[in-house]
Amino acid sequence: MAKKSTNLVAVITMFFLFAMIAFVTNMAAPVGNIWTMDDAVGNNPALGFMGNFMNFLAYLFMGIPAGNMLTKVGYKKTALIAIAVGVLGLVIQYLSGFSTGVPGFSIYLLGAFVCGLCVCMLNTVVNPMLNLIGGGGTKGNQLLQLGGACNSLAGTIAPIMVGSFVGAITKSTKITEVSPMLFGAIAIFVVAFIIIYFVKIEEPHQRKTDTAAKKDEHSPWSFRHFVLGTIAIFCYVGMEVGIPNTFGNFLGKEVNFNLFDPANSANAAAIIGGMTGLYWLLMLVGRLTSSFISGKISSRTQLLAVSCCGIVLVLISMIVPATTGVSMVGFSNGSFAINNVPLFTVFLVLMGLCTSIMWGCIFNLATEGLGKYTEKASGIFMMMVVGGGILPLIQNSIVGTTIGSLRLSYIIVIAVLVYMVFYALIGSKNVNKDIPVD
């Protein structure tokens, strides 16, 4: 009974941290767009995504150290260190608002990078812990999907809040206008630090290292399904982040919204924030649904189904007439409103249902059967999240000034989805079961 109680506390704590990962991450792109209106920085959609790029770049540097930290000091201490780093990153982002031009933008990027170090460490903690508490397999994926639902809820709130605080992004818009969000996130992190510090969290997979023991000849890289899984997660995160942010960066510019509906221009940031928030809300719906069926339907089957569905949705978005509009519930003037938006973007927003369950499925499949290599594998896995910064940056570089160029950039998303189909059918099979993992 005591063990069940301890596990419940650990699970709830991990759910809470899962939420903060998305909240901090999803502030980067909409806040970064503010800097693109500074003449000294440059009115370039790709620059608006640089905050996200720095956030995900941090995973490349912190992934393996975070995995080693998890092995040496455990889940609780790693989480505490991560939270402290997160507070520092948010403070740096706030301070960037007191400068202008390239110096202020550079400070903002530094803050985004530090926040990336934080969320990388938090991801390294929450994913293996939830999977291991669930016992791996379908039950492990079920907990991962529930944690992902908390992640999506926070991800839904973040861009909507930025849009409501900012409204329309103009040359006079400053980072200080979203300071309530930054201070709120700092306060939540402080409370989380205090709670985790005093709550006892069982270390489900921590092992003491025998220094006299022979060096292990194997590693997570010895498993083919894990190696292919790291590629899958690199591609997946790039797709998940790139889908909403690419069309958001394009339509969020007043000139591009004028191409479609001039009436939207005054509240472009709020409308795009609402559309992006809906994307993350659909991810919440998808993950909650998956959490109910994951006990019966395998991760492999779920990944295959949503990947095929995703290919269909993106292809439709690429061929629907660009001038066709549709009324959609969103935000305008600080409240809910019906906005006229391009129909093709609706199919991209619906992709939230498809991308929603991929993270949990890929992590579950890639770490299945790793045993004692799980903690280090988690660190390596987090390193590959850098795809969330690289692929969207490439996709945004394809986008020009026409809707045709915007839609052409989603060829990258199609390629990623094809790889997901391959991983679900072939790549996720563990062909190295002869390697001892105890």
Protein backbone atom coordinates (compact mmCIF):
# COMPACT_ATOMS: atom_id res chain seq x y z
CA MET A 1 0.00 0.00 0.00
CA ALA A 2 2.88 2.33 0.90
CA LYS A 3 4.53 1.61 -2.44
CA LYS A 4 1.33 2.49 -4.32
CA SER A 5 1.08 5.75 -2.36
CA THR A 6 4.70 6.61 -3.15
CA ASN A 7 4.18 5.84 -6.82
CA LEU A 8 1.07 8.05 -6.91
CA VAL A 9 3.02 10.99 -5.49
CA ALA A 10 5.79 10.39 -8.02
CA VAL A 11 3.33 10.16 -10.91
CA ILE A 12 1.50 13.38 -9.94
CA THR A 13 4.83 15.18 -9.55
CA MET A 14 5.96 14.01 -12.99
CA PHE A 15 2.64 15.14 -14.51
CA PHE A 16 3.19 18.60 -13.03
CA LEU A 17 6.71 18.81 -14.45
CA PHE A 18 5.46 17.57 -17.82
CA ALA A 19 3.12 20.58 -17.89
CA MET A 20 5.88 23.07 -17.13
CA ILE A 21 8.02 21.68 -19.96
CA ALA A 22 5.41 22.70 -22.54
CA PHE A 23 4.55 26.02 -20.90
CA VAL A 24 8.16 27.22 -20.94
CA THR A 25 8.85 25.81 -24.42
CA ASN A 26 5.73 27.21 -26.06
CA MET A 27 6.42 30.75 -24.92
CA ALA A 28 9.58 30.90 -27.03
CA ALA A 29 8.10 31.23 -30.55
CA PRO A 30 5.36 33.83 -29.89
CA VAL A 31 7.64 35.89 -27.65
CA GLY A 32 10.42 35.60 -30.24
CA ASN A 33 8.11 37.14 -32.86
CA ILE A 34 8.17 40.38 -30.85
CA TRP A 35 11.86 40.78 -31.65
CA THR A 36 11.31 40.50 -35.41
CA MET A 37 9.59 43.90 -35.37
CA ASP A 38 12.75 45.57 -34.06
CA ASP A 39 14.40 47.23 -37.09
CA ALA A 40 17.86 46.49 -35.70
CA VAL A 41 17.06 42.77 -35.54
CA GLY A 42 15.24 42.43 -38.86
CA ASN A 43 11.70 41.66 -39.94
CA ASN A 44 12.36 38.00 -40.79
CA PRO A 45 10.06 35.05 -39.86
CA ALA A 46 13.10 32.79 -39.40
CA LEU A 47 14.51 35.17 -36.74
CA GLY A 48 11.22 34.94 -34.88
CA PHE A 49 11.86 31.24 -34.51
CA MET A 50 15.38 31.68 -33.15
CA GLY A 51 14.12 31.54 -29.56
CA ASN A 52 12.69 28.09 -30.24
CA PHE A 53 15.92 27.12 -32.00
CA MET A 54 18.03 28.07 -28.97
CA ASN A 55 15.57 26.30 -26.69
CA PHE A 56 15.95 23.05 -28.60
CA LEU A 57 19.65 23.52 -29.31
CA ALA A 58 20.19 23.20 -25.55
CA TYR A 59 19.01 19.58 -25.79
CA LEU A 60 22.01 18.77 -27.99
CA PHE A 61 24.39 19.95 -25.26
CA MET A 62 22.45 18.80 -22.20
CA GLY A 63 20.96 15.46 -23.28
CA ILE A 64 23.83 13.12 -22.40
CA PRO A 65 24.94 15.09 -19.28
CA ALA A 66 21.33 14.98 -18.05
CA GLY A 67 21.24 11.20 -18.53
CA ASN A 68 24.52 10.85 -16.61
CA MET A 69 23.16 13.14 -13.89
CA LEU A 70 20.07 10.99 -13.62
CA THR A 71 22.23 7.89 -13.11
CA LYS A 72 24.49 9.50 -10.51
CA VAL A 73 22.21 11.71 -8.38
CA GLY A 74 18.76 10.29 -9.14
CA TYR A 75 15.44 11.61 -10.36
CA LYS A 76 14.65 14.00 -7.50
CA LYS A 77 17.93 15.93 -7.43
CA THR A 78 17.99 16.16 -11.22
CA ALA A 79 14.50 17.65 -11.17
CA LEU A 80 15.47 20.19 -8.49
CA ILE A 81 18.54 21.30 -10.43
CA ALA A 82 16.43 21.60 -13.59
CA ILE A 83 13.87 23.83 -11.88
CA ALA A 84 16.58 26.15 -10.54
CA VAL A 85 18.04 26.46 -14.04
CA GLY A 86 14.55 27.21 -15.40
CA VAL A 87 14.07 30.12 -13.02
CA LEU A 88 17.42 31.57 -14.16
CA GLY A 89 16.42 31.25 -17.82
CA LEU A 90 13.09 33.02 -17.31
CA VAL A 91 14.78 35.87 -15.41
CA ILE A 92 17.26 36.34 -18.26
CA GLN A 93 14.41 36.50 -20.80
CA TYR A 94 12.68 39.16 -18.71
CA LEU A 95 15.87 41.22 -18.46
CA SER A 96 16.20 41.19 -22.27
CA GLY A 97 13.19 43.52 -22.39
CA PHE A 98 15.27 46.35 -20.96
CA SER A 99 17.53 46.40 -24.04
CA THR A 100 16.80 46.95 -27.72
CA GLY A 101 18.25 45.77 -31.00
CA VAL A 102 20.83 43.01 -31.27
CA PRO A 103 22.01 43.25 -27.61
CA GLY A 104 18.49 42.73 -26.26
CA PHE A 105 17.77 39.98 -28.79
CA SER A 106 21.02 38.22 -27.80
CA ILE A 107 20.05 38.32 -24.13
CA TYR A 108 16.65 36.87 -25.01
CA LEU A 109 18.29 34.03 -26.97
CA LEU A 110 20.57 33.31 -24.01
CA GLY A 111 17.52 33.06 -21.76
CA ALA A 112 15.81 30.74 -24.23
CA PHE A 113 18.93 28.53 -24.29
CA VAL A 114 19.08 28.34 -20.49
CA CYS A 115 15.37 27.44 -20.40
CA GLY A 116 16.18 24.73 -22.93
CA LEU A 117 18.73 23.26 -20.52
CA CYS A 118 15.97 23.18 -17.90
CA VAL A 119 13.33 21.44 -19.99
CA CYS A 120 15.89 18.96 -21.32
CA MET A 121 16.70 17.85 -17.76
CA LEU A 122 13.01 17.73 -16.84
CA ASN A 123 12.25 15.61 -19.90
CA THR A 124 15.09 13.28 -18.99
CA VAL A 125 13.44 12.76 -15.60
CA VAL A 126 9.75 12.48 -16.36
CA ASN A 127 9.77 10.17 -19.40
CA PRO A 128 11.72 7.17 -18.06
CA MET A 129 10.16 7.52 -14.61
CA LEU A 130 6.58 7.37 -15.90
CA ASN A 131 7.45 4.54 -18.29
CA LEU A 132 9.17 2.52 -15.56
CA ILE A 133 6.46 3.08 -12.94
CA GLY A 134 3.98 1.81 -15.52
CA GLY A 135 6.15 -1.24 -16.10
CA GLY A 136 6.87 -0.42 -19.75
CA GLY A 137 4.77 -1.84 -22.57
CA THR A 138 1.18 -0.66 -22.97
CA LYS A 139 0.87 0.42 -19.32
CA GLY A 140 4.05 2.48 -19.51
CA ASN A 141 2.74 4.18 -22.64
CA GLN A 142 -0.56 4.84 -20.86
CA LEU A 143 1.20 6.89 -18.15
CA LEU A 144 3.29 8.68 -20.77
CA GLN A 145 0.14 9.69 -22.64
CA LEU A 146 -1.50 11.01 -19.45
CA GLY A 147 1.64 13.01 -18.72
CA GLY A 148 1.57 14.19 -22.31
CA ALA A 149 -2.02 15.38 -21.78
CA CYS A 150 -0.78 17.65 -18.97
CA ASN A 151 1.97 18.79 -21.32
CA SER A 152 -0.57 19.64 -24.03
CA LEU A 153 -2.81 21.54 -21.62
CA ALA A 154 0.05 23.82 -20.65
CA GLY A 155 1.08 24.04 -24.30
CA THR A 156 -2.42 25.20 -25.18
CA ILE A 157 -2.41 27.93 -22.56
CA ALA A 158 1.01 29.45 -23.34
CA PRO A 159 0.49 30.82 -26.91
CA ILE A 160 -3.05 31.95 -26.09
CA MET A 161 -1.76 33.92 -23.12
CA VAL A 162 1.00 35.53 -25.18
CA GLY A 163 -1.50 36.49 -27.87
CA SER A 164 -3.94 37.95 -25.35
CA PHE A 165 -1.22 40.01 -23.66
CA VAL A 166 0.28 41.30 -26.91
CA GLY A 167 -2.69 41.56 -29.31
CA ALA A 168 -1.10 42.87 -32.50
CA ILE A 169 2.71 42.84 -32.70
CA THR A 170 3.99 46.29 -33.67
CA LYS A 171 7.32 48.08 -33.52
CA SER A 172 6.41 49.37 -30.06
CA THR A 173 5.69 45.91 -28.61
CA LYS A 174 8.19 44.92 -25.89
CA ILE A 175 9.01 41.74 -23.98
CA THR A 176 7.89 43.47 -20.81
CA GLU A 177 4.29 43.20 -22.06
CA VAL A 178 4.40 39.46 -21.36
CA SER A 179 6.18 39.88 -18.01
CA PRO A 180 3.10 38.57 -16.10
CA MET A 181 3.60 35.24 -17.88
CA LEU A 182 7.30 35.16 -17.08
CA PHE A 183 6.75 36.02 -13.42
CA GLY A 184 3.92 33.48 -13.22
CA ALA A 185 6.17 30.75 -14.61
CA ILE A 186 8.92 31.72 -12.15
CA ALA A 187 6.44 31.52 -9.25
CA ILE A 188 5.22 28.08 -10.38
CA PHE A 189 8.80 26.84 -10.62
CA VAL A 190 9.55 28.09 -7.10
CA VAL A 191 6.47 26.32 -5.71
CA ALA A 192 7.40 23.15 -7.61
CA PHE A 193 10.92 23.28 -6.19
CA ILE A 194 9.58 23.49 -2.63
CA ILE A 195 7.08 20.66 -3.15
CA ILE A 196 9.58 18.30 -4.78
CA TYR A 197 12.21 19.11 -2.16
CA PHE A 198 9.99 17.93 0.68
CA VAL A 199 8.19 15.07 -1.08
CA LYS A 200 9.84 11.65 -1.05
CA ILE A 201 10.16 10.30 -4.58
CA GLU A 202 11.14 6.68 -5.08
CA GLU A 203 14.04 6.19 -7.48
CA PRO A 204 12.54 3.41 -9.62
CA HIS A 205 15.62 2.48 -11.62
CA GLN A 206 18.66 4.00 -9.95
CA ARG A 207 21.60 1.63 -9.49
CA LYS A 208 24.87 2.02 -7.62
CA THR A 209 27.88 1.63 -9.84
CA ASP A 210 30.52 -0.95 -8.90
CA THR A 211 33.77 0.82 -9.73
CA ALA A 212 35.65 -2.46 -9.56
CA ALA A 213 33.34 -4.11 -12.03
CA LYS A 214 34.36 -4.76 -15.60
CA LYS A 215 33.37 -2.04 -18.02
CA ASP A 216 30.10 -2.86 -19.77
CA GLU A 217 30.75 -3.68 -23.40
CA HIS A 218 27.25 -2.63 -24.39
CA SER A 219 25.31 0.67 -24.34
CA PRO A 220 21.94 1.98 -25.55
CA TRP A 221 23.58 2.35 -28.97
CA SER A 222 23.86 -1.45 -29.11
CA PHE A 223 20.11 -1.67 -29.73
CA ARG A 224 18.96 -1.05 -33.29
CA HIS A 225 15.40 -0.12 -32.32
CA PHE A 226 16.76 2.54 -29.96
CA VAL A 227 19.09 4.03 -32.59
CA LEU A 228 16.25 4.25 -35.10
CA GLY A 229 14.05 5.62 -32.30
CA THR A 230 16.43 8.52 -31.70
CA ILE A 231 16.10 9.44 -35.37
CA ALA A 232 12.33 9.17 -35.03
CA ILE A 233 12.23 11.52 -32.04
CA PHE A 234 14.52 14.02 -33.80
CA CYS A 235 12.12 14.10 -36.75
CA TYR A 236 8.97 14.00 -34.63
CA VAL A 237 9.80 16.99 -32.42
CA GLY A 238 10.81 18.99 -35.49
CA MET A 239 7.46 18.19 -37.08
CA GLU A 240 5.40 18.80 -33.93
CA VAL A 241 6.92 22.24 -33.39
CA GLY A 242 7.22 23.19 -37.06
CA ILE A 243 3.59 22.55 -38.06
CA PRO A 244 1.92 25.34 -36.02
CA ASN A 245 4.86 27.73 -35.79
CA THR A 246 5.59 27.84 -39.52
CA PHE A 247 2.11 28.92 -40.57
CA GLY A 248 1.90 31.05 -37.43
CA ASN A 249 5.06 32.97 -38.32
CA PHE A 250 3.82 33.44 -41.90
CA LEU A 251 0.25 34.54 -41.19
CA GLY A 252 1.21 36.48 -38.08
CA LYS A 253 2.83 39.15 -40.21
CA GLU A 254 0.34 41.86 -41.04
CA VAL A 255 1.20 41.88 -44.75
CA ASN A 256 0.50 38.14 -45.04
CA PHE A 257 -2.77 38.32 -43.17
CA ASN A 258 -3.78 41.13 -45.51
CA LEU A 259 -3.27 38.74 -48.40
CA PHE A 260 -6.15 36.74 -47.03
CA ASP A 261 -8.38 38.84 -44.80
CA PRO A 262 -7.41 42.44 -43.88
CA ALA A 263 -9.98 42.41 -41.05
CA ASN A 264 -7.71 40.04 -39.12
CA SER A 265 -4.60 42.20 -39.24
CA ALA A 266 -5.22 44.30 -36.13
CA ASN A 267 -5.38 41.20 -33.95
CA ALA A 268 -3.10 38.87 -35.93
CA ALA A 269 -1.05 37.77 -32.91
CA ALA A 270 -4.16 36.94 -30.88
CA ILE A 271 -5.79 35.03 -33.73
CA ILE A 272 -2.67 33.03 -34.53
CA GLY A 273 -2.16 32.42 -30.81
CA GLY A 274 -5.67 31.00 -30.67
CA MET A 275 -5.06 28.74 -33.67
CA THR A 276 -1.78 27.52 -32.23
CA GLY A 277 -3.48 27.00 -28.88
CA LEU A 278 -6.17 24.91 -30.61
CA TYR A 279 -3.43 22.75 -32.15
CA TRP A 280 -2.07 22.02 -28.67
CA LEU A 281 -5.59 21.55 -27.33
CA LEU A 282 -6.15 18.83 -29.92
CA MET A 283 -2.92 17.26 -28.75
CA LEU A 284 -4.45 17.20 -25.28
CA VAL A 285 -7.55 15.47 -26.66
CA GLY A 286 -5.43 12.94 -28.54
CA ARG A 287 -3.27 12.10 -25.55
CA LEU A 288 -6.24 11.71 -23.23
CA THR A 289 -7.88 9.40 -25.76
CA SER A 290 -4.67 7.41 -26.13
CA SER A 291 -4.35 7.06 -22.35
CA PHE A 292 -7.68 5.21 -22.32
CA ILE A 293 -6.86 2.85 -25.18
CA SER A 294 -3.12 2.30 -24.59
CA GLY A 295 -3.82 -0.53 -22.18
CA LYS A 296 -5.30 -2.51 -25.08
CA ILE A 297 -3.79 -1.12 -28.28
CA SER A 298 -0.02 -1.30 -28.77
CA SER A 299 2.20 1.73 -29.25
CA ARG A 300 3.24 0.35 -32.64
CA THR A 301 -0.35 0.20 -33.91
CA GLN A 302 -1.16 3.70 -32.63
CA LEU A 303 1.96 5.20 -34.20
CA LEU A 304 1.21 3.60 -37.56
CA ALA A 305 -2.42 4.78 -37.57
CA VAL A 306 -1.74 8.45 -36.75
CA SER A 307 1.21 8.63 -39.16
CA CYS A 308 -0.94 7.47 -42.08
CA CYS A 309 -3.73 9.84 -41.06
CA GLY A 310 -1.23 12.69 -40.82
CA ILE A 311 0.01 12.13 -44.36
CA VAL A 312 -3.57 12.48 -45.61
CA LEU A 313 -4.22 15.71 -43.65
CA VAL A 314 -1.02 17.43 -44.78
CA LEU A 315 -1.58 16.46 -48.41
CA ILE A 316 -5.11 17.93 -48.25
CA SER A 317 -3.73 21.16 -46.74
CA MET A 318 -1.33 21.44 -49.67
CA ILE A 319 -3.99 21.18 -52.37
CA VAL A 320 -6.93 23.10 -50.86
CA PRO A 321 -7.32 26.48 -52.66
CA ALA A 322 -5.35 29.12 -50.79
CA THR A 323 -8.14 31.69 -51.08
CA THR A 324 -10.80 29.47 -49.51
CA GLY A 325 -11.67 30.64 -46.00
CA VAL A 326 -13.56 29.20 -43.06
CA SER A 327 -14.93 30.62 -39.81
CA MET A 328 -13.08 29.35 -36.78
CA VAL A 329 -13.36 29.95 -33.06
CA GLY A 330 -10.36 31.81 -31.72
CA PHE A 331 -9.22 34.95 -29.92
CA SER A 332 -9.63 38.58 -30.91
CA ASN A 333 -9.53 41.75 -28.81
CA GLY A 334 -8.78 39.71 -25.70
CA SER A 335 -11.82 37.40 -25.87
CA PHE A 336 -13.25 34.46 -27.79
CA ALA A 337 -14.39 35.36 -31.30
CA ILE A 338 -15.21 33.86 -34.69
CA ASN A 339 -12.36 34.61 -37.09
CA ASN A 340 -12.09 34.05 -40.83
CA VAL A 341 -8.93 32.03 -41.52
CA PRO A 342 -7.50 30.08 -44.49
CA LEU A 343 -9.12 26.65 -44.78
CA PHE A 344 -5.81 24.90 -45.48
CA THR A 345 -4.52 25.90 -42.05
CA VAL A 346 -7.42 24.07 -40.38
CA PHE A 347 -6.06 20.75 -41.66
CA LEU A 348 -2.67 21.67 -40.19
CA VAL A 349 -4.30 22.48 -36.86
CA LEU A 350 -6.02 19.07 -36.97
CA MET A 351 -2.55 17.52 -37.15
CA GLY A 352 -2.45 18.09 -33.40
CA LEU A 353 -4.54 14.94 -33.05
CA CYS A 354 -1.93 12.95 -34.99
CA THR A 355 1.22 14.33 -33.40
CA SER A 356 -0.32 14.08 -29.93
CA ILE A 357 0.51 10.46 -29.19
CA MET A 358 3.75 10.09 -31.15
CA TRP A 359 6.15 11.14 -28.39
CA GLY A 360 4.88 8.57 -25.89
CA CYS A 361 4.70 5.81 -28.52
CA ILE A 362 8.23 6.45 -29.82
CA PHE A 363 9.78 6.68 -26.34
CA ASN A 364 7.95 3.55 -25.23
CA LEU A 365 9.06 1.56 -28.30
CA ALA A 366 12.62 2.89 -28.35
CA THR A 367 13.36 2.11 -24.67
CA GLU A 368 11.53 -1.22 -24.52
CA GLY A 369 13.85 -3.95 -23.28
CA LEU A 370 16.78 -1.65 -22.43
CA GLY A 371 16.77 -2.45 -18.70
CA LYS A 372 19.82 -0.97 -16.99
CA TYR A 373 20.55 1.19 -20.04
CA THR A 374 17.28 3.12 -19.71
CA GLU A 375 18.64 6.18 -17.85
CA LYS A 376 21.49 6.79 -20.29
CA ALA A 377 19.14 6.08 -23.17
CA SER A 378 16.81 8.79 -21.86
CA GLY A 379 19.63 11.32 -21.91
CA ILE A 380 20.57 10.43 -25.48
CA PHE A 381 16.90 10.57 -26.43
CA MET A 382 16.63 14.10 -25.04
CA MET A 383 19.70 15.16 -27.00
CA MET A 384 17.84 14.31 -30.21
CA VAL A 385 15.01 16.70 -29.29
CA VAL A 386 17.27 19.29 -30.91
CA GLY A 387 15.27 18.40 -34.02
CA GLY A 388 12.62 20.76 -32.67
CA GLY A 389 14.99 23.61 -33.38
CA ILE A 390 16.63 22.41 -36.59
CA LEU A 391 13.78 21.11 -38.76
CA PRO A 392 11.43 24.09 -38.15
CA LEU A 393 14.30 26.46 -38.92
CA ILE A 394 14.86 24.65 -42.23
CA GLN A 395 11.13 24.68 -42.91
CA ASN A 396 10.89 28.40 -42.16
CA SER A 397 13.82 29.09 -44.48
CA ILE A 398 11.78 27.61 -47.36
CA VAL A 399 8.87 29.95 -46.67
CA GLY A 400 8.91 33.07 -48.80
CA THR A 401 6.18 35.67 -49.21
CA THR A 402 3.55 33.49 -50.88
CA ILE A 403 1.16 30.88 -49.52
CA GLY A 404 2.54 28.52 -52.19
CA SER A 405 6.01 28.67 -50.62
CA LEU A 406 4.46 28.16 -47.18
CA ARG A 407 2.67 25.02 -48.27
CA LEU A 408 5.73 23.73 -50.14
CA SER A 409 7.64 23.76 -46.84
CA TYR A 410 5.34 21.03 -45.51
CA ILE A 411 7.11 18.53 -47.79
CA ILE A 412 9.42 18.17 -44.76
CA VAL A 413 6.45 17.11 -42.64
CA ILE A 414 5.42 14.52 -45.24
CA ALA A 415 8.95 13.04 -45.21
CA VAL A 416 8.88 12.79 -41.41
CA LEU A 417 5.52 11.03 -41.44
CA VAL A 418 6.78 8.49 -43.98
CA TYR A 419 9.69 7.71 -41.64
CA MET A 420 7.22 7.24 -38.78
CA VAL A 421 5.39 4.63 -40.84
CA PHE A 422 8.72 2.83 -41.40
CA TYR A 423 9.59 2.96 -37.69
CA ALA A 424 6.21 1.63 -36.63
CA LEU A 425 6.31 -1.26 -39.12
CA ILE A 426 9.99 -2.24 -39.05
CA GLY A 427 12.35 0.01 -37.11
CA SER A 428 10.79 -0.40 -33.67
CA LYS A 429 11.31 -4.18 -33.50
CA ASN A 430 13.93 -5.19 -30.92
CA VAL A 431 16.36 -7.44 -32.80
CA ASN A 432 18.98 -7.36 -30.01
CA LYS A 433 17.19 -9.36 -27.31
CA ASP A 434 20.34 -11.44 -26.74
CA ILE A 435 22.08 -8.48 -25.03
CA PRO A 436 21.91 -8.80 -21.19
CA VAL A 437 20.13 -5.82 -19.60
CA ASP A 438 19.93 -6.83 -15.90
